[in-house]
Structures are given as structure tokens and as C-alpha cells.
Amino acid sequence: MSLNVSNQTAYTQDIMVLPPNSFLGGEDKIIGDIHGNLSCLRSVLASIGEHDRLFMVGDLIDRGEQSGAIIPAISLFQQHHPSQIYTVKGNHELMCMRAINELEAMVSYFTEETDWDVNTEFDQSFIDTWIYDFMNRDMQTLESLYPDTDVYDLRLYITNGGAWLIYLFRHEVEQELIAIDENGKVIYREESSLLQIKKFIESLPYIIHIPGPSGFNIVHADMPLSDQELNTKISLNDFTLTSEQREYAVWAREDDSILFRDNGRDKHSTRTFVGHSIVAFGHSSVIRKTNTINLDIATFRSDMCLIVNQRAGTCELQGPGMERIYKYPALQSAFEELSLYLQKH
């Protein structure tokens, strides 16, 4: 599938600042990690009104069965509804970019090896075998085969639901959408879906900030800055983060005593919407001490999305998995907790 990247893909700063939704009746809706669940994404997109905006907390891809279709679906929606959908970068987008870099570094070796011949017709069982072999060989052997590659990063990504990327990469090599020049460098044709996915991810900010009395932040894992630090950066037209702040924004978890910190934030700080820590598996939907709301409900497994309507102060569950919500008592409790919190705050 060819993908026309628009709107957000031109944005390359770490911090994106958007104005409040000024349309009468327009709503700002925020959803958690989609993780490759195309049916849930389509259900949410169908519910977006003419003047609504949809914000996503990252982790668009991996684990779900339709990861390769998520970014094309978002881009297509952007083409028809400019300025209505925004997303930040999650740790899975970060891992995906690193995995693409490793595949690009490995491809020159593949042209010479019998276990990955780029002239061989694409075959899923062949890739299944290659992935199995790659995941089960000892690290020393892999590092000797691919000395210019961080094989650990690629194995980590596959372990966390990234096998779809290997299939897509190999398929596009077979279709000559990805080629190799005489120096072993990867060249993408403009029709390459992988190229467009790469451009899309590269463009994503780490933080989206909406100012004003009812303002809010979107970040994947946790805010790496206090309100004062963020506002100072914006006033100075400084929309960059340090490498440490970027890593924190996509990896921090409240139960990680080594990484997690409050960063000068408290219960009076600007409301921040995050994902990353799965509510359905026991994490809280509300972190009161920093006014943070967690929307990750394992959509790849629950087949539901948790949606907050920021202006109305309400939340709802949506998706094909609603009929099986009884299987997730922790999610039901978290939903009730969030509903009460939004009503009172």
C-alpha cells in the first residue's frame, strides 16, 4: 500500500503546541495505546465529529495483528480531515525506528548469505524460519554474522510484537520497493510503505501541549518537565528535549523506582494524558499526585479503547470487545475511578 504522509509528518520538533479547540461544540478526545488494533481505531475515527480533535498517546503499532495498517489509516484520515488527529511518539515507535535502522544495516549481509537471499521469492514460512533462527541463535553468533548491527535492539523489538516489520521489510525487498546500491546502502522507492511509516514516526513529537485554563498535555509515558519548565521552553521558542528527557517521555512508569520521578509536578499541574502502563493489568487509571490520566487498556487484547472527552469531563469505552468487559474486572474498576475523577476535577 502506498501512503501519502500529511499534516503531522512535517512536524519535527520534540514539543508540539496547539491552540485550544475554538469551534463551538467541538470536542477534544484522547485515546490510549492502539497497538495494531485497526478495528478499534476505525471505530473511534468514525465517532469523530466535524469539529472534534482526536489525540493519541503513542504505541500505535505492535502486538496487534494489523500493525502495518495503522499508520496508513491515520494518514488517510488526516488527508480528509486536516488538523483533526494528532499523536505523540511511544516507546514502540522508538523501537520500530531502531529496528528499521538495524534492518537497513543488515541488508547488505543478507545479499551474501544463503539464509536470506534477496533474490528468493517472498514466502511467509521462509520468514518464519528466519525469525525463529534469529531469535534462538546465541548472541555471539549473531554478532559475528551482523557485526555492524545492534542485534539486541532487533530481538527486543521482535519479542515485543514487531515481527510484522520483518515481513514488511522482506516483502518490499522482494517487490523491489527497497533496493541496495553498489555500496550496500538501502534505497527506498517513493511507493514504499515502510519509507512512509519511517517518515511518519520520525515526524512525531514527544509532547503535545494545549495551553489555557482547560489545557492539557499528551505524552506517552510521563511528563519529563514541570509546567514551569515547559512554559519557559515555549516562551523561548525552544521545542527540544534532551536525549534523557526523550527516553523518560516514552519509558517511565510509576512503579519503576529507578526511572520514575515527579519532575516538579503535583496535583495542581496541567492535566496530562499518558498510556504505556496497562490499566487492565492492574495499573491505576489516575495518578492523583501529578494529575495524570492513564488510558492504556491493552487494546490489542481487550479489543476496546478508553476515550476521554476533555471538554465534557467524561470517559467511555468503545470497541468490539465491550461484550467481554466482564473478563477485565481491573479495567471496570479503573473506568469507574476515572469517571469519578473527571466529574470532580
Protein backbone atom coordinates (compact mmCIF):
# COMPACT_ATOMS: atom_id res chain seq x y z
CA MET A 1 0.00 0.00 0.00
CA SER A 2 1.31 3.45 -0.89
CA LEU A 3 0.94 6.00 1.87
CA ASN A 4 0.64 9.76 1.44
CA VAL A 5 2.03 11.33 4.60
CA SER A 6 0.49 14.67 5.51
CA ASN A 7 -0.01 17.24 8.25
CA GLN A 8 1.82 15.97 11.30
CA THR A 9 4.57 14.36 9.26
CA ALA A 10 6.01 17.79 8.52
CA TYR A 11 6.48 18.38 12.24
CA THR A 12 9.93 17.56 13.57
CA GLN A 13 10.11 19.27 16.98
CA ASP A 14 10.02 17.34 20.24
CA ILE A 15 7.25 19.57 21.65
CA MET A 16 4.14 20.46 19.65
CA VAL A 17 1.93 23.33 20.84
CA LEU A 18 -1.64 23.52 19.56
CA PRO A 19 -4.32 26.11 20.31
CA PRO A 20 -7.46 25.20 22.28
CA ASN A 21 -10.34 23.86 20.22
CA SER A 22 -12.20 27.06 19.35
CA PHE A 23 -15.10 25.51 17.47
CA LEU A 24 -18.50 25.73 19.16
CA GLY A 25 -19.40 22.19 20.16
CA GLY A 26 -16.01 20.86 19.16
CA GLU A 27 -14.56 18.25 21.48
CA ASP A 28 -11.03 17.14 22.25
CA LYS A 29 -10.92 13.36 22.64
CA ILE A 30 -7.96 11.33 23.84
CA ILE A 31 -7.42 7.58 23.46
CA GLY A 32 -4.82 5.16 24.75
CA ASP A 33 -2.40 2.78 23.06
CA ILE A 34 -3.91 1.24 19.89
CA HIS A 35 -1.17 -1.38 19.41
CA GLY A 36 -2.16 -2.56 15.95
CA ASN A 37 -5.91 -2.88 16.57
CA LEU A 38 -7.34 -1.49 13.34
CA SER A 39 -10.99 -2.26 14.14
CA CYS A 40 -10.82 -0.20 17.34
CA LEU A 41 -9.09 2.65 15.55
CA ARG A 42 -11.72 2.70 12.82
CA SER A 43 -14.49 2.66 15.42
CA VAL A 44 -13.00 5.70 17.15
CA LEU A 45 -12.35 7.58 13.90
CA ALA A 46 -15.98 7.03 12.86
CA SER A 47 -17.12 8.77 16.05
CA ILE A 48 -15.09 11.96 15.48
CA GLY A 49 -17.35 14.91 14.69
CA GLU A 50 -16.65 17.66 12.17
CA HIS A 51 -15.13 19.98 14.76
CA ASP A 52 -13.64 17.36 17.09
CA ARG A 53 -9.96 16.57 17.52
CA LEU A 54 -8.50 13.18 18.38
CA PHE A 55 -5.27 12.83 20.34
CA MET A 56 -3.38 9.56 20.67
CA VAL A 57 -0.78 8.76 23.33
CA GLY A 58 1.52 6.72 21.09
CA ASP A 59 2.19 2.98 20.79
CA LEU A 60 0.16 2.85 17.62
CA ILE A 61 1.85 -0.33 16.44
CA ASP A 62 2.99 -3.83 17.50
CA ARG A 63 1.28 -6.72 19.29
CA GLY A 64 -1.94 -6.31 17.32
CA GLU A 65 -2.42 -8.22 14.08
CA GLN A 66 -2.80 -5.14 11.84
CA SER A 67 0.16 -3.03 12.92
CA GLY A 68 1.23 -2.31 9.35
CA ALA A 69 -2.18 -0.78 8.55
CA ILE A 70 -2.44 1.64 11.48
CA ILE A 71 -0.25 4.50 10.24
CA PRO A 72 -1.75 4.35 6.71
CA ALA A 73 -5.23 4.58 8.29
CA ILE A 74 -4.23 7.59 10.38
CA SER A 75 -2.66 9.28 7.36
CA LEU A 76 -5.73 8.65 5.22
CA PHE A 77 -7.94 10.21 7.89
CA GLN A 78 -5.59 13.22 8.00
CA GLN A 79 -5.91 13.69 4.26
CA HIS A 80 -9.69 14.02 4.51
CA HIS A 81 -9.83 15.71 7.93
CA PRO A 82 -6.82 18.01 8.28
CA SER A 83 -5.92 19.15 11.80
CA GLN A 84 -8.23 16.65 13.48
CA ILE A 85 -5.87 13.87 14.55
CA TYR A 86 -2.57 14.08 16.43
CA THR A 87 -0.29 11.59 18.09
CA VAL A 88 2.92 11.51 20.06
CA LYS A 89 5.74 9.02 19.82
CA GLY A 90 5.60 5.98 22.10
CA ASN A 91 8.31 3.53 23.07
CA HIS A 92 7.10 1.14 20.37
CA GLU A 93 7.54 3.80 17.68
CA LEU A 94 11.02 4.42 19.08
CA MET A 95 11.80 0.68 18.99
CA CYS A 96 10.39 0.46 15.47
CA MET A 97 12.72 3.19 14.23
CA ARG A 98 15.69 1.45 15.82
CA ALA A 99 14.63 -1.86 14.26
CA ILE A 100 14.35 -0.26 10.81
CA ASN A 101 17.86 1.12 11.24
CA GLU A 102 19.13 -2.34 12.16
CA LEU A 103 17.40 -3.97 9.18
CA GLU A 104 18.95 -1.40 6.90
CA ALA A 105 22.36 -2.17 8.39
CA MET A 106 21.82 -5.92 7.99
CA VAL A 107 20.52 -5.97 4.45
CA SER A 108 23.96 -5.81 2.82
CA TYR A 109 24.90 -9.01 4.67
CA PHE A 110 21.67 -10.68 3.60
CA THR A 111 22.61 -10.28 -0.06
CA GLU A 112 25.62 -12.55 0.53
CA GLU A 113 24.12 -15.12 2.90
CA THR A 114 22.31 -18.30 1.98
CA ASP A 115 19.82 -17.92 4.86
CA TRP A 116 18.44 -14.66 3.41
CA ASP A 117 18.76 -14.37 -0.34
CA VAL A 118 17.10 -11.17 -1.56
CA ASN A 119 16.51 -12.80 -4.94
CA THR A 120 14.39 -15.53 -3.36
CA GLU A 121 10.62 -15.24 -3.91
CA PHE A 122 8.80 -13.94 -0.82
CA ASP A 123 7.47 -16.77 1.30
CA GLN A 124 5.96 -16.42 4.77
CA SER A 125 7.26 -19.76 6.01
CA PHE A 126 10.75 -18.70 4.93
CA ILE A 127 10.50 -15.55 7.07
CA ASP A 128 9.01 -17.56 9.94
CA THR A 129 12.08 -19.77 9.84
CA TRP A 130 14.46 -16.81 9.64
CA ILE A 131 12.81 -15.10 12.64
CA TYR A 132 12.90 -18.31 14.67
CA ASP A 133 16.55 -18.78 13.84
CA PHE A 134 17.39 -15.15 14.62
CA MET A 135 15.59 -15.28 17.97
CA ASN A 136 17.18 -18.57 19.05
CA ARG A 137 20.78 -18.27 17.93
CA ASP A 138 23.26 -17.26 20.59
CA MET A 139 24.24 -13.59 20.66
CA GLN A 140 27.88 -14.27 19.86
CA THR A 141 26.95 -16.00 16.60
CA LEU A 142 24.55 -13.21 15.62
CA GLU A 143 27.09 -10.51 16.39
CA SER A 144 29.63 -12.30 14.21
CA LEU A 145 27.11 -12.56 11.36
CA TYR A 146 25.99 -8.94 11.63
CA PRO A 147 28.93 -7.00 13.12
CA ASP A 148 27.54 -3.57 12.22
CA THR A 149 24.16 -4.25 13.80
CA ASP A 150 22.76 -3.97 17.30
CA VAL A 151 21.08 -7.38 17.19
CA TYR A 152 19.81 -6.92 20.75
CA ASP A 153 17.60 -3.98 19.66
CA LEU A 154 16.09 -6.01 16.84
CA ARG A 155 15.48 -9.05 19.03
CA LEU A 156 13.88 -6.84 21.67
CA TYR A 157 11.54 -5.37 19.08
CA ILE A 158 10.50 -8.75 17.70
CA THR A 159 9.88 -10.00 21.24
CA ASN A 160 7.57 -7.03 21.85
CA GLY A 161 5.35 -7.61 18.84
CA GLY A 162 7.47 -6.24 16.00
CA ALA A 163 7.66 -9.31 13.74
CA TRP A 164 5.28 -7.61 11.27
CA LEU A 165 8.12 -5.23 10.39
CA ILE A 166 10.35 -8.12 9.28
CA TYR A 167 7.63 -9.41 6.96
CA LEU A 168 7.04 -5.95 5.51
CA PHE A 169 10.75 -5.28 5.01
CA ARG A 170 11.34 -8.63 3.28
CA HIS A 171 8.20 -8.26 1.15
CA GLU A 172 9.26 -4.82 -0.08
CA VAL A 173 12.74 -6.12 -0.90
CA GLU A 174 11.10 -8.85 -3.00
CA GLN A 175 8.84 -6.27 -4.69
CA GLU A 176 11.90 -4.06 -5.36
CA LEU A 177 10.42 -1.23 -3.32
CA ILE A 178 13.59 -1.49 -1.25
CA ALA A 179 16.85 -1.84 -3.16
CA ILE A 180 20.55 -1.92 -2.35
CA ASP A 181 23.10 0.19 -4.19
CA GLU A 182 26.65 -0.82 -5.02
CA ASN A 183 27.81 0.39 -1.61
CA GLY A 184 25.28 -1.73 0.26
CA LYS A 185 23.13 1.27 1.15
CA VAL A 186 19.35 0.85 1.32
CA ILE A 187 17.34 2.85 -1.21
CA TYR A 188 13.55 3.18 -0.89
CA ARG A 189 11.20 3.82 -3.78
CA GLU A 190 8.61 6.52 -3.09
CA GLU A 191 5.81 3.89 -3.15
CA SER A 192 7.38 2.03 -0.22
CA SER A 193 5.01 1.76 2.74
CA LEU A 194 7.98 1.22 5.00
CA LEU A 195 9.52 4.51 3.87
CA GLN A 196 6.30 6.36 4.61
CA ILE A 197 5.93 4.68 8.01
CA LYS A 198 9.51 5.68 8.78
CA LYS A 199 8.86 9.30 7.79
CA PHE A 200 5.67 9.38 9.86
CA ILE A 201 7.36 8.10 13.01
CA GLU A 202 10.33 10.43 12.56
CA SER A 203 7.95 13.39 12.49
CA LEU A 204 6.15 12.62 15.76
CA PRO A 205 6.68 14.88 18.77
CA TYR A 206 7.22 13.54 22.26
CA ILE A 207 4.86 16.04 23.88
CA ILE A 208 1.72 17.79 22.66
CA HIS A 209 0.69 20.79 24.78
CA ILE A 210 -2.63 22.63 24.60
CA PRO A 211 -2.45 25.83 26.70
CA GLY A 212 -5.24 27.64 28.51
CA PRO A 213 -7.42 27.19 31.61
CA SER A 214 -8.61 23.80 30.34
CA GLY A 215 -5.29 22.94 28.75
CA PHE A 216 -3.69 19.52 28.81
CA ASN A 217 -0.63 17.57 27.76
CA ILE A 218 -0.25 14.37 25.73
CA VAL A 219 2.86 12.25 26.30
CA HIS A 220 3.34 8.52 26.09
CA ALA A 221 4.72 7.51 29.48
CA ASP A 222 5.18 10.56 31.73
CA MET A 223 5.99 14.26 31.52
CA PRO A 224 9.73 14.88 31.71
CA LEU A 225 9.16 18.57 32.56
CA SER A 226 7.31 20.63 35.16
CA ASP A 227 4.68 23.14 33.98
CA GLN A 228 7.11 25.96 34.65
CA GLU A 229 9.91 24.30 32.66
CA LEU A 230 7.56 23.57 29.75
CA ASN A 231 6.14 27.10 29.67
CA THR A 232 9.62 28.60 29.83
CA LYS A 233 10.75 26.50 26.88
CA ILE A 234 7.70 27.51 24.86
CA SER A 235 8.18 31.21 25.67
CA LEU A 236 11.77 30.94 24.38
CA ASN A 237 10.65 29.06 21.24
CA ASP A 238 12.66 26.09 22.44
CA PHE A 239 10.75 22.97 21.42
CA THR A 240 13.51 20.45 22.01
CA LEU A 241 14.15 17.86 24.71
CA THR A 242 17.40 16.32 25.84
CA SER A 243 18.03 12.67 24.96
CA GLU A 244 17.38 11.78 28.61
CA GLN A 245 14.05 13.63 28.56
CA ARG A 246 13.03 11.87 25.35
CA GLU A 247 13.77 8.46 26.84
CA TYR A 248 11.87 9.36 30.01
CA ALA A 249 8.86 10.57 27.99
CA VAL A 250 8.40 7.16 26.36
CA TRP A 251 9.69 4.71 29.00
CA ALA A 252 8.86 5.98 32.53
CA ARG A 253 6.50 4.02 34.77
CA GLU A 254 5.22 4.92 38.21
CA ASP A 255 6.27 1.55 39.62
CA ASP A 256 9.84 1.95 38.32
CA SER A 257 11.62 3.37 41.35
CA ILE A 258 14.85 3.87 39.39
CA LEU A 259 13.44 5.79 36.41
CA PHE A 260 10.25 7.42 37.67
CA ARG A 261 10.28 10.88 39.29
CA ASP A 262 7.73 13.65 39.78
CA ASN A 263 9.75 16.26 37.82
CA GLY A 264 8.30 19.07 39.90
CA ARG A 265 4.73 18.12 39.08
CA ASP A 266 1.89 17.88 41.61
CA LYS A 267 -1.90 17.56 41.77
CA HIS A 268 -2.30 21.16 40.55
CA SER A 269 -0.19 20.62 37.42
CA THR A 270 -1.65 20.69 33.92
CA ARG A 271 -3.60 17.52 33.28
CA THR A 272 -1.53 15.01 31.38
CA PHE A 273 -2.78 12.02 29.40
CA VAL A 274 -0.49 9.01 29.06
CA GLY A 275 -0.52 5.32 28.13
CA HIS A 276 2.28 2.76 28.45
CA SER A 277 1.23 1.15 31.78
CA ILE A 278 -1.69 -1.21 31.23
CA VAL A 279 -4.75 -0.36 33.34
CA ALA A 280 -6.42 -3.69 32.55
CA PHE A 281 -3.44 -5.44 34.19
CA GLY A 282 -3.70 -3.55 37.47
CA HIS A 283 -2.10 -0.14 36.90
CA SER A 284 -4.13 2.85 38.09
CA SER A 285 -6.04 4.97 35.59
CA VAL A 286 -5.40 8.07 37.71
CA ILE A 287 -2.17 9.28 39.29
CA ARG A 288 -3.59 11.97 41.52
CA LYS A 289 -0.33 13.37 42.85
CA THR A 290 0.62 14.60 39.35
CA ASN A 291 -2.86 14.99 37.76
CA THR A 292 -2.04 12.27 35.25
CA ILE A 293 -4.56 10.02 33.48
CA ASN A 294 -3.51 6.65 32.05
CA LEU A 295 -5.52 5.36 29.07
CA ASP A 296 -3.72 2.11 28.17
CA ILE A 297 -6.25 -0.73 28.49
CA ALA A 298 -4.41 -3.38 26.43
CA THR A 299 -6.45 -2.64 23.31
CA PHE A 300 -4.53 -5.34 21.41
CA ARG A 301 -6.09 -7.89 23.77
CA SER A 302 -9.25 -6.29 25.22
CA ASP A 303 -10.46 -5.08 21.79
CA MET A 304 -11.61 -1.83 23.42
CA CYS A 305 -10.43 1.76 23.61
CA LEU A 306 -10.72 4.06 26.61
CA ILE A 307 -11.70 7.53 25.38
CA VAL A 308 -11.73 10.74 27.42
CA ASN A 309 -13.74 13.75 26.30
CA GLN A 310 -11.63 16.52 27.82
CA ARG A 311 -14.14 19.34 27.39
CA ALA A 312 -17.13 17.37 28.69
CA GLY A 313 -15.16 15.74 31.51
CA THR A 314 -16.41 12.26 30.63
CA CYS A 315 -14.98 8.94 29.52
CA GLU A 316 -16.28 5.93 27.65
CA LEU A 317 -15.22 2.51 26.45
CA GLN A 318 -15.62 1.72 22.78
CA GLY A 319 -14.89 -1.23 20.53
CA PRO A 320 -15.89 -4.79 19.63
CA GLY A 321 -14.67 -6.13 22.98
CA MET A 322 -17.38 -4.37 25.01
CA GLU A 323 -19.40 -7.57 25.23
CA ARG A 324 -16.47 -9.22 27.03
CA ILE A 325 -15.71 -6.48 29.53
CA TYR A 326 -16.69 -8.81 32.38
CA LYS A 327 -13.38 -10.58 31.77
CA TYR A 328 -11.48 -7.49 32.94
CA PRO A 329 -12.60 -6.58 36.49
CA ALA A 330 -9.50 -4.39 36.98
CA LEU A 331 -10.49 -2.41 33.90
CA GLN A 332 -14.04 -1.95 35.15
CA SER A 333 -12.76 -0.62 38.48
CA ALA A 334 -10.29 1.69 36.75
CA PHE A 335 -13.03 3.01 34.46
CA GLU A 336 -15.24 3.84 37.45
CA GLU A 337 -12.29 5.52 39.20
CA LEU A 338 -11.56 7.65 36.15
CA SER A 339 -15.22 8.62 35.68
CA LEU A 340 -15.42 9.92 39.25
CA TYR A 341 -12.11 11.76 38.93
CA LEU A 342 -13.21 13.54 35.76
CA GLN A 343 -16.52 14.56 37.36
CA LYS A 344 -14.77 16.08 40.38
CA HIS A 345 -11.89 17.71 38.55
